[in-house]
Amino acid sequence: MLDAADRFRLRQFILGYSGMHKWQTMTALDLGRGIGAGDIDPVELCDVFLDAIAAHPFTDKIYARVTADRARAEALAARTRQQNGGRLCPLDGVPISWKDLFDTAGTVTEAGSKLLAGRTPDADALVLQRATQMGLVCLGKTHMSELAFSGLGYNPVTETSPCVNDHDAVAGGSSSGAAASVAFGLAAAAIGSDTGGSVRIPAVWNDLVGLKTTHGAIATKGVVPLCQRFDTVGPLCRSVEDAAALFDVLGGGSVDLAHASLEGVRFGALQTVVLEGLEDAPRAAYEDAIEAIEQAGAVVEPFEFEVLNDAFAVAGPLFTAEAYGTWGEVIEASPDTMFDQVRERFRAGKNVAASDFVAGWQKLDQIRHDYAHQAARFDGVLLPTAPIMPPNLARLIAEPDYFIEVNLMALRNTRVANLLGLCSVTVPAGRKSRGLMINCLPMQDAKTLRLAAAISAIGA
């Protein structure tokens, strides 16, 4: 009997493909449409992905665990629904991956850390329950930065996922395996989390769309926490249309992308710190994107928000204090099991005074209020997603100071949305590993996706 790798190679030979099966490169919604039309069998689709996962040289660096039995059972149920005319949603039968911090019933969920070795939940996270109830197929759990506390995706404790555009570079984090699973054709889409940029950084470096939802828009029950006052759930996928469909599946609500246009739209181009120290490649891509957006009929104006620097000044203690308050006891019980760079990031919150934490949140709440007042005149605010290109893994291993430097730099621009309580989406900016970010005010997720769809349509 042929094993999964042999089946995958035989299928490629029969179909005449030297590379991936065409289904591995299609958007999630296109796969869903194919299922609905009867052109794609959900069971065969599932097997294509499972066989590709079994055969791929980077699988062990991307997937922490593959849930093949669950996936096949869910695909079989999707086939039955399709045959009986009872599909649950446009993505019914589409296989996706889940970051290894979403509780999965009966499947080890360790959040990339040996501190949680063997942790096996009894129930699915609420968003996984909902996705399953809507017919999506769970392929498995993807690798991530340890306890989600790094934007690079380098994890010497478990595995480090490669960037699709440079296999010697990191994929970005903390949803590193999530991005890689889609970029390498091992999932139709992925679900990750974003506390300071953990969906958007791996999305931009792997040429994907990444949605950071408004805090509270999607339930985090059953999601291993980092900083619950900042944690959000969001998709990584091939198109804005996929992101909108997944936002709906996860409980955010339906989004109408029809007739999305940039004509008459007014954007603010955020100034200050987000433009400092940009590498040449991201800067050029950002400038070209702004030009294309203006040519499509939008107005783009410089947006100065000087007190943004004050938000960054209070950010460190707010993130680290909550993270250490959540994990400190577990960490100190077995500190040597952790990657030292991540452990010390947690420990930075150990001695934050309660009074400083409260005062910091009061200041940040005021900054959020001021931002909302000033940004209300714009439909959305634009900025480069990542100021740097994907860092080289060997250098991160050899130079601890370099790790610290680029980790903070990678997350600098994405953290703006987390600090200010915004929703945010990154879309590819026309060149590999470069992206454009659109930020909108809280609970304007649908508007953010419509703007992203309009920008994607012009190929900015």
Protein backbone atom coordinates (compact mmCIF):
# COMPACT_ATOMS: atom_id res chain seq x y z
CA MET A 1 0.00 0.00 0.00
CA LEU A 2 1.27 3.49 -0.88
CA ASP A 3 2.09 5.81 1.98
CA ALA A 4 1.00 9.45 2.04
CA ALA A 5 4.18 10.74 0.41
CA ASP A 6 3.94 8.20 -2.41
CA ARG A 7 0.26 9.02 -2.97
CA PHE A 8 1.12 12.70 -3.17
CA ARG A 9 3.88 12.12 -5.73
CA LEU A 10 1.67 9.76 -7.76
CA ARG A 11 -1.13 12.30 -7.84
CA GLN A 12 1.31 14.96 -9.04
CA PHE A 13 2.57 12.61 -11.78
CA ILE A 14 -0.93 11.71 -12.96
CA LEU A 15 -2.06 15.33 -13.03
CA GLY A 16 1.15 16.49 -14.66
CA TYR A 17 2.30 18.89 -11.96
CA SER A 18 5.96 19.31 -11.15
CA GLY A 19 5.12 21.42 -8.13
CA MET A 20 2.08 21.77 -5.90
CA HIS A 21 -1.39 20.52 -6.68
CA LYS A 22 -3.46 23.46 -7.95
CA TRP A 23 -5.73 23.19 -4.92
CA GLN A 24 -2.79 24.04 -2.67
CA THR A 25 -2.46 27.47 -4.27
CA MET A 26 -6.14 28.42 -4.46
CA THR A 27 -7.83 30.79 -2.04
CA ALA A 28 -9.99 29.25 0.66
CA LEU A 29 -13.15 30.73 -0.85
CA ASP A 30 -12.30 29.46 -4.33
CA LEU A 31 -11.94 25.99 -2.83
CA GLY A 32 -15.27 26.48 -1.07
CA ARG A 33 -16.91 27.53 -4.32
CA GLY A 34 -15.49 24.45 -6.00
CA ILE A 35 -16.98 22.27 -3.28
CA GLY A 36 -20.33 24.00 -3.60
CA ALA A 37 -20.34 23.48 -7.36
CA GLY A 38 -19.51 19.82 -6.99
CA ASP A 39 -16.14 20.22 -8.72
CA ILE A 40 -14.08 19.51 -5.60
CA ASP A 41 -14.69 16.57 -3.28
CA PRO A 42 -13.96 17.65 0.33
CA VAL A 43 -12.44 14.24 1.14
CA GLU A 44 -10.09 14.34 -1.83
CA LEU A 45 -9.25 17.95 -1.00
CA CYS A 46 -8.40 16.97 2.55
CA ASP A 47 -6.21 14.12 1.31
CA VAL A 48 -4.34 16.45 -1.03
CA PHE A 49 -3.37 18.64 1.91
CA LEU A 50 -2.65 15.75 4.28
CA ASP A 51 -0.48 14.01 1.68
CA ALA A 52 1.34 17.27 0.96
CA ILE A 53 1.96 17.74 4.68
CA ALA A 54 3.31 14.19 4.95
CA ALA A 55 5.66 14.70 2.00
CA HIS A 56 6.90 18.25 2.59
CA PRO A 57 10.50 18.70 3.80
CA PHE A 58 9.51 21.54 6.15
CA THR A 59 6.49 19.89 7.73
CA ASP A 60 8.21 19.27 11.07
CA LYS A 61 9.16 22.95 11.19
CA ILE A 62 5.62 24.08 10.39
CA TYR A 63 3.21 21.65 12.06
CA ALA A 64 3.50 20.80 15.74
CA ARG A 65 0.82 18.12 15.35
CA VAL A 66 -1.31 16.94 12.43
CA THR A 67 -4.88 15.90 13.25
CA ALA A 68 -5.37 13.59 10.27
CA ASP A 69 -8.17 11.46 11.73
CA ARG A 70 -10.18 14.49 12.77
CA ALA A 71 -9.60 16.16 9.40
CA ARG A 72 -10.78 13.14 7.42
CA ALA A 73 -13.88 12.73 9.58
CA GLU A 74 -14.76 16.41 9.17
CA ALA A 75 -14.12 16.23 5.40
CA LEU A 76 -16.38 13.19 5.12
CA ALA A 77 -19.15 15.05 6.94
CA ALA A 78 -18.64 18.01 4.58
CA ARG A 79 -18.97 15.67 1.58
CA THR A 80 -22.28 14.35 2.93
CA ARG A 81 -23.63 17.86 3.50
CA GLN A 82 -22.66 18.92 0.00
CA GLN A 83 -24.30 15.89 -1.55
CA ASN A 84 -27.48 16.56 0.45
CA GLY A 85 -27.59 20.29 -0.30
CA GLY A 86 -26.94 21.28 3.31
CA ARG A 87 -23.63 23.16 3.29
CA LEU A 88 -23.15 25.26 6.42
CA CYS A 89 -21.20 28.19 4.99
CA PRO A 90 -19.10 29.09 1.92
CA LEU A 91 -16.02 27.55 3.58
CA ASP A 92 -17.70 24.26 4.51
CA GLY A 93 -15.17 21.49 3.76
CA VAL A 94 -12.12 23.76 3.45
CA PRO A 95 -9.02 22.57 5.37
CA ILE A 96 -7.22 25.10 7.58
CA SER A 97 -4.55 25.07 10.29
CA TRP A 98 -4.61 26.37 13.85
CA LYS A 99 -1.83 27.97 15.88
CA ASP A 100 -0.79 25.75 18.77
CA LEU A 101 -2.40 27.95 21.41
CA PHE A 102 -5.99 27.14 20.46
CA ASP A 103 -7.26 24.40 22.75
CA THR A 104 -8.04 21.29 20.74
CA ALA A 105 -9.97 18.50 22.43
CA GLY A 106 -7.80 15.42 22.92
CA THR A 107 -4.84 16.99 21.11
CA VAL A 108 -1.75 18.28 22.87
CA THR A 109 -1.72 22.08 22.93
CA GLU A 110 1.57 23.49 24.25
CA ALA A 111 1.78 27.08 22.91
CA GLY A 112 5.33 26.42 21.75
CA SER A 113 6.66 25.86 25.26
CA LYS A 114 7.99 22.88 27.20
CA LEU A 115 6.42 24.52 30.24
CA LEU A 116 3.14 23.13 28.89
CA ALA A 117 4.53 19.79 27.72
CA GLY A 118 1.76 17.22 27.32
CA ARG A 119 -1.04 19.69 28.04
CA THR A 120 -4.16 18.13 26.50
CA PRO A 121 -7.44 20.08 26.68
CA ASP A 122 -10.80 18.39 27.09
CA ALA A 123 -12.59 20.84 24.80
CA ASP A 124 -11.93 22.95 21.73
CA ALA A 125 -11.38 26.69 22.03
CA LEU A 126 -14.61 28.57 21.38
CA VAL A 127 -13.44 29.80 17.96
CA LEU A 128 -12.41 26.27 16.94
CA GLN A 129 -15.79 24.98 18.08
CA ARG A 130 -17.49 27.61 15.95
CA ALA A 131 -15.33 26.91 12.90
CA THR A 132 -16.04 23.20 13.22
CA GLN A 133 -19.77 23.87 13.54
CA MET A 134 -19.53 25.87 10.31
CA GLY A 135 -17.92 22.93 8.53
CA LEU A 136 -14.25 23.88 8.35
CA VAL A 137 -11.72 21.05 8.46
CA CYS A 138 -8.95 21.11 11.10
CA LEU A 139 -5.64 19.91 9.62
CA GLY A 140 -3.61 20.37 12.79
CA LYS A 141 -1.66 22.70 15.07
CA THR A 142 1.19 24.92 13.88
CA HIS A 143 4.43 25.93 15.56
CA MET A 144 4.80 29.36 17.16
CA SER A 145 7.10 31.55 19.23
CA GLU A 146 7.25 30.33 22.82
CA LEU A 147 4.08 31.44 24.65
CA ALA A 148 3.58 33.89 21.76
CA PHE A 149 6.11 36.37 23.18
CA SER A 150 8.25 37.14 20.12
CA GLY A 151 7.62 38.67 16.73
CA LEU A 152 10.31 36.69 14.92
CA GLY A 153 9.16 33.09 15.13
CA TYR A 154 12.55 31.79 16.29
CA ASN A 155 11.89 29.01 18.79
CA PRO A 156 14.84 26.78 19.75
CA VAL A 157 12.63 24.96 22.27
CA THR A 158 10.37 23.42 19.62
CA GLU A 159 10.88 24.38 15.95
CA THR A 160 11.46 27.47 13.85
CA SER A 161 9.38 27.85 10.70
CA PRO A 162 11.13 29.16 7.56
CA CYS A 163 10.08 32.18 5.51
CA VAL A 164 8.64 31.19 2.15
CA ASN A 165 10.81 33.78 0.37
CA ASP A 166 14.06 32.95 2.15
CA HIS A 167 14.38 29.54 3.77
CA ASP A 168 17.37 30.74 5.80
CA ALA A 169 15.26 33.46 7.40
CA VAL A 170 12.56 33.26 10.06
CA ALA A 171 8.88 33.31 9.13
CA GLY A 172 7.90 35.98 11.66
CA GLY A 173 5.99 35.42 14.84
CA SER A 174 4.45 34.52 16.90
CA SER A 175 2.07 32.86 14.38
CA SER A 176 5.05 31.54 12.43
CA GLY A 177 3.82 28.07 11.51
CA ALA A 178 0.38 29.48 10.73
CA ALA A 179 1.83 31.71 8.01
CA ALA A 180 4.19 29.03 6.73
CA SER A 181 1.39 26.46 6.48
CA VAL A 182 -0.47 28.69 4.02
CA ALA A 183 2.56 30.09 2.19
CA PHE A 184 4.01 26.61 1.52
CA GLY A 185 0.63 25.24 0.39
CA LEU A 186 0.02 23.07 3.45
CA ALA A 187 -3.28 24.72 4.46
CA ALA A 188 -5.86 26.80 2.65
CA ALA A 189 -5.79 29.37 5.47
CA ALA A 190 -4.67 29.57 9.08
CA ILE A 191 -5.90 30.99 12.36
CA GLY A 192 -3.43 32.80 14.60
CA SER A 193 -3.38 35.34 17.40
CA ASP A 194 -2.11 38.92 17.55
CA THR A 195 -1.01 40.62 20.78
CA GLY A 196 1.60 42.97 19.31
CA GLY A 197 1.74 41.95 15.66
CA SER A 198 1.76 38.16 15.80
CA VAL A 199 -0.64 37.72 12.86
CA ARG A 200 0.58 40.61 10.72
CA ILE A 201 4.37 40.12 10.89
CA PRO A 202 4.33 36.50 9.65
CA ALA A 203 1.65 37.49 7.14
CA VAL A 204 3.72 40.28 5.60
CA TRP A 205 6.95 38.29 5.47
CA ASN A 206 5.15 35.39 3.74
CA ASP A 207 3.11 37.49 1.27
CA LEU A 208 -0.25 36.89 2.93
CA VAL A 209 -3.18 38.93 4.18
CA GLY A 210 -3.25 39.11 7.98
CA LEU A 211 -6.13 40.52 10.03
CA LYS A 212 -5.71 41.85 13.56
CA THR A 213 -9.27 42.08 14.85
CA THR A 214 -10.55 44.58 17.37
CA HIS A 215 -9.91 43.38 20.90
CA GLY A 216 -13.05 41.56 22.01
CA ALA A 217 -14.55 41.16 18.54
CA ILE A 218 -13.70 37.45 18.51
CA ALA A 219 -13.83 35.26 21.61
CA THR A 220 -10.56 34.15 23.18
CA LYS A 221 -12.03 31.51 25.50
CA GLY A 222 -9.85 28.43 25.24
CA VAL A 223 -6.92 30.36 23.77
CA VAL A 224 -3.68 30.12 25.78
CA PRO A 225 -3.18 33.75 26.90
CA LEU A 226 -0.20 36.05 26.71
CA CYS A 227 -1.68 39.44 27.69
CA GLN A 228 -5.44 39.14 27.83
CA ARG A 229 -6.00 42.89 27.60
CA PHE A 230 -4.21 42.88 24.24
CA ASP A 231 -4.76 39.34 22.88
CA THR A 232 -6.80 39.03 19.68
CA VAL A 233 -7.63 36.24 17.23
CA GLY A 234 -7.30 36.60 13.47
CA PRO A 235 -6.79 34.80 10.14
CA LEU A 236 -3.78 34.55 7.83
CA CYS A 237 -4.80 33.83 4.25
CA ARG A 238 -4.27 34.37 0.54
CA SER A 239 -6.86 37.09 -0.03
CA VAL A 240 -8.85 39.80 1.70
CA GLU A 241 -11.99 37.93 0.65
CA ASP A 242 -10.75 34.90 2.62
CA ALA A 243 -10.02 37.11 5.63
CA ALA A 244 -13.56 38.49 5.55
CA ALA A 245 -15.09 35.03 5.28
CA LEU A 246 -12.99 33.73 8.17
CA PHE A 247 -13.81 36.79 10.27
CA ASP A 248 -17.47 35.82 9.86
CA VAL A 249 -16.82 32.13 10.63
CA LEU A 250 -14.92 33.03 13.81
CA GLY A 251 -17.83 35.10 15.09
CA GLY A 252 -16.94 38.62 13.99
CA GLY A 253 -19.91 39.11 11.68
CA SER A 254 -20.51 39.16 7.94
CA VAL A 255 -18.63 41.61 5.72
CA ASP A 256 -19.84 42.83 2.34
CA LEU A 257 -16.86 43.49 0.07
CA ALA A 258 -18.95 44.19 -3.04
CA HIS A 259 -18.16 47.45 -4.82
CA ALA A 260 -15.19 48.25 -2.56
CA SER A 261 -13.55 51.33 -4.04
CA LEU A 262 -10.90 53.90 -3.22
CA GLU A 263 -12.68 56.71 -5.04
CA GLY A 264 -13.14 59.58 -2.58
CA VAL A 265 -11.56 57.69 0.32
CA ARG A 266 -9.45 59.77 2.69
CA PHE A 267 -6.42 58.16 4.30
CA GLY A 268 -4.00 59.45 6.86
CA ALA A 269 -0.37 58.41 6.35
CA LEU A 270 0.95 58.02 9.88
CA GLN A 271 4.18 59.89 10.51
CA THR A 272 6.48 59.94 13.59
CA VAL A 273 8.27 56.81 14.76
CA VAL A 274 6.69 54.38 12.29
CA LEU A 275 8.76 55.82 9.43
CA GLU A 276 12.06 55.87 11.28
CA GLY A 277 14.77 53.38 10.39
CA LEU A 278 12.89 51.77 7.51
CA GLU A 279 15.05 49.47 5.43
CA ASP A 280 15.21 50.47 1.77
CA ALA A 281 13.00 47.64 0.50
CA PRO A 282 10.01 48.27 2.82
CA ARG A 283 10.33 52.02 2.30
CA ALA A 284 10.23 51.73 -1.50
CA ALA A 285 7.26 49.36 -1.39
CA TYR A 286 5.37 51.70 0.94
CA GLU A 287 6.00 54.75 -1.21
CA ASP A 288 4.90 52.90 -4.34
CA ALA A 289 1.73 51.70 -2.59
CA ILE A 290 0.83 55.25 -1.51
CA GLU A 291 1.29 56.47 -5.09
CA ALA A 292 -0.94 53.71 -6.47
CA ILE A 293 -3.63 54.45 -3.89
CA GLU A 294 -3.65 58.13 -4.83
CA GLN A 295 -3.84 57.27 -8.52
CA ALA A 296 -6.89 55.13 -7.77
CA GLY A 297 -8.77 58.16 -6.50
CA ALA A 298 -8.03 58.27 -2.78
CA VAL A 299 -6.64 61.23 -0.88
CA VAL A 300 -3.62 60.51 1.32
CA GLU A 301 -2.57 63.14 3.86
CA PRO A 302 0.25 63.11 6.40
CA PHE A 303 -1.09 62.30 9.86
CA GLU A 304 0.97 63.56 12.76
CA PHE A 305 0.14 61.97 16.10
CA GLU A 306 3.03 63.01 18.28
CA VAL A 307 1.82 61.43 21.51
CA LEU A 308 2.24 58.03 19.88
CA ASN A 309 5.71 58.09 21.40
CA ASP A 310 4.08 58.33 24.82
CA ALA A 311 2.09 55.18 24.07
CA PHE A 312 5.29 53.33 23.25
CA ALA A 313 6.84 54.64 26.47
CA VAL A 314 4.17 53.00 28.63
CA ALA A 315 3.83 49.88 26.49
CA GLY A 316 6.70 47.85 27.92
CA PRO A 317 5.48 47.66 31.52
CA LEU A 318 1.87 47.04 30.45
CA PHE A 319 2.76 44.06 28.25
CA THR A 320 5.45 42.53 30.43
CA ALA A 321 3.66 43.00 33.76
CA GLU A 322 0.51 41.29 32.54
CA ALA A 323 2.50 38.53 30.83
CA TYR A 324 4.57 37.86 33.94
CA GLY A 325 1.51 38.08 36.16
CA THR A 326 -0.06 35.35 34.01
CA TRP A 327 2.97 33.09 33.65
CA GLY A 328 5.48 34.05 36.35
CA GLU A 329 4.71 31.21 38.74
CA VAL A 330 4.88 28.62 35.96
CA ILE A 331 8.09 30.08 34.57
CA GLU A 332 9.91 30.23 37.89
CA ALA A 333 8.98 26.63 38.66
CA SER A 334 11.03 25.50 35.64
CA PRO A 335 12.92 28.46 34.15
CA ASP A 336 15.63 26.44 32.42
CA THR A 337 13.11 24.83 30.09
CA MET A 338 12.53 28.19 28.36
CA PHE A 339 14.35 29.98 25.58
CA ASP A 340 16.35 32.51 27.60
CA GLN A 341 15.45 35.51 25.42
CA VAL A 342 11.72 34.89 25.88
CA ARG A 343 12.11 34.08 29.59
CA GLU A 344 13.85 37.41 30.20
CA ARG A 345 11.13 39.27 28.28
CA PHE A 346 8.62 37.84 30.75
CA ARG A 347 10.84 38.64 33.72
CA ALA A 348 11.01 42.28 32.67
CA GLY A 349 7.50 42.55 34.13
CA LYS A 350 8.39 40.97 37.47
CA ASN A 351 9.02 44.19 39.38
CA VAL A 352 6.53 46.55 37.74
CA ALA A 353 4.70 48.31 40.56
CA ALA A 354 0.94 47.98 40.65
CA SER A 355 0.66 51.76 40.83
CA ASP A 356 2.77 52.12 37.66
CA PHE A 357 0.63 49.52 35.89
CA VAL A 358 -2.59 51.34 36.80
CA ALA A 359 -1.15 54.73 35.90
CA GLY A 360 0.15 53.35 32.63
CA TRP A 361 -3.28 52.07 31.63
CA GLN A 362 -4.89 55.36 32.58
CA LYS A 363 -2.40 57.19 30.37
CA LEU A 364 -2.88 54.74 27.51
CA ASP A 365 -6.66 55.06 27.74
CA GLN A 366 -6.32 58.82 27.37
CA ILE A 367 -3.99 58.41 24.39
CA ARG A 368 -6.52 56.05 22.80
CA HIS A 369 -9.24 58.66 23.29
CA ASP A 370 -7.08 61.39 21.74
CA TYR A 371 -6.16 59.19 18.78
CA ALA A 372 -9.77 58.28 18.08
CA HIS A 373 -10.69 61.98 18.08
CA GLN A 374 -7.87 62.94 15.69
CA ALA A 375 -8.14 59.91 13.39
CA ALA A 376 -11.92 60.21 12.98
CA ARG A 377 -11.44 62.52 9.99
CA PHE A 378 -9.86 59.65 8.02
CA ASP A 379 -11.42 56.50 6.62
CA GLY A 380 -8.25 54.66 7.57
CA VAL A 381 -4.63 55.23 8.48
CA LEU A 382 -1.74 53.81 6.44
CA LEU A 383 1.75 52.74 7.49
CA PRO A 384 4.39 50.18 6.51
CA THR A 385 3.64 46.81 8.10
CA ALA A 386 7.21 45.83 8.94
CA PRO A 387 10.16 48.23 8.86
CA ILE A 388 12.62 45.39 8.24
CA MET A 389 12.92 42.32 6.04
CA PRO A 390 12.91 38.79 7.54
CA PRO A 391 16.05 38.32 9.68
CA ASN A 392 18.52 35.52 9.05
CA LEU A 393 18.09 32.62 11.47
CA ALA A 394 21.82 31.82 11.83
CA ARG A 395 22.52 35.40 12.87
CA LEU A 396 19.67 35.36 15.40
CA ILE A 397 21.19 32.24 16.94
CA ALA A 398 24.73 33.59 16.99
CA GLU A 399 24.01 37.15 18.17
CA PRO A 400 21.64 37.56 21.16
CA ASP A 401 21.81 41.35 20.95
CA TYR A 402 20.72 41.17 17.33
CA PHE A 403 17.69 39.09 18.38
CA ILE A 404 16.63 41.77 20.86
CA GLU A 405 17.15 44.57 18.34
CA VAL A 406 15.24 43.09 15.43
CA ASN A 407 12.47 41.62 17.60
CA LEU A 408 11.57 45.08 18.86
CA MET A 409 11.96 46.61 15.40
CA ALA A 410 9.83 43.97 13.70
CA LEU A 411 6.90 44.62 16.03
CA ARG A 412 7.22 48.39 16.26
CA ASN A 413 4.68 49.38 13.61
CA THR A 414 2.21 46.58 14.24
CA ARG A 415 2.10 47.40 17.96
CA VAL A 416 0.49 50.74 17.14
CA ALA A 417 -2.86 49.02 16.56
CA ASN A 418 -2.58 46.88 19.68
CA LEU A 419 -1.65 49.83 21.89
CA LEU A 420 -4.39 52.05 20.51
CA GLY A 421 -7.06 49.32 20.52
CA LEU A 422 -7.53 49.44 16.74
CA CYS A 423 -8.35 46.86 14.11
CA SER A 424 -5.69 46.40 11.47
CA VAL A 425 -4.96 44.46 8.31
CA THR A 426 -1.80 43.94 6.29
CA VAL A 427 -1.89 43.28 2.56
CA PRO A 428 1.03 42.40 0.26
CA ALA A 429 2.66 45.50 -1.19
CA GLY A 430 3.64 44.19 -4.60
CA ARG A 431 7.04 42.76 -3.68
CA LYS A 432 8.13 39.76 -1.64
CA SER A 433 7.97 40.10 2.15
CA ARG A 434 6.73 43.69 2.03
CA GLY A 435 3.33 44.89 3.09
CA LEU A 436 1.00 47.82 3.61
CA MET A 437 -0.99 48.15 6.82
CA ILE A 438 -4.40 49.77 7.19
CA ASN A 439 -5.55 50.74 10.70
CA CYS A 440 -9.11 51.71 11.56
CA LEU A 441 -10.89 52.66 14.77
CA PRO A 442 -12.20 49.99 17.15
CA MET A 443 -15.03 47.77 15.87
CA GLN A 444 -14.51 48.98 12.30
CA ASP A 445 -13.21 45.57 11.21
CA ALA A 446 -15.64 45.38 8.29
CA LYS A 447 -14.59 48.82 7.09
CA THR A 448 -10.92 47.85 7.40
CA LEU A 449 -11.51 44.78 5.24
CA ARG A 450 -13.38 46.80 2.60
CA LEU A 451 -10.51 49.27 2.38
CA ALA A 452 -8.05 46.38 2.14
CA ALA A 453 -10.11 44.80 -0.62
CA ALA A 454 -10.11 48.04 -2.60
CA ILE A 455 -6.34 48.40 -2.19
CA SER A 456 -5.73 44.78 -3.16
CA ALA A 457 -7.85 45.24 -6.27
CA ILE A 458 -5.46 47.88 -7.64
CA GLY A 459 -2.43 45.72 -6.92
CA ALA A 460 -0.82 48.25 -4.60
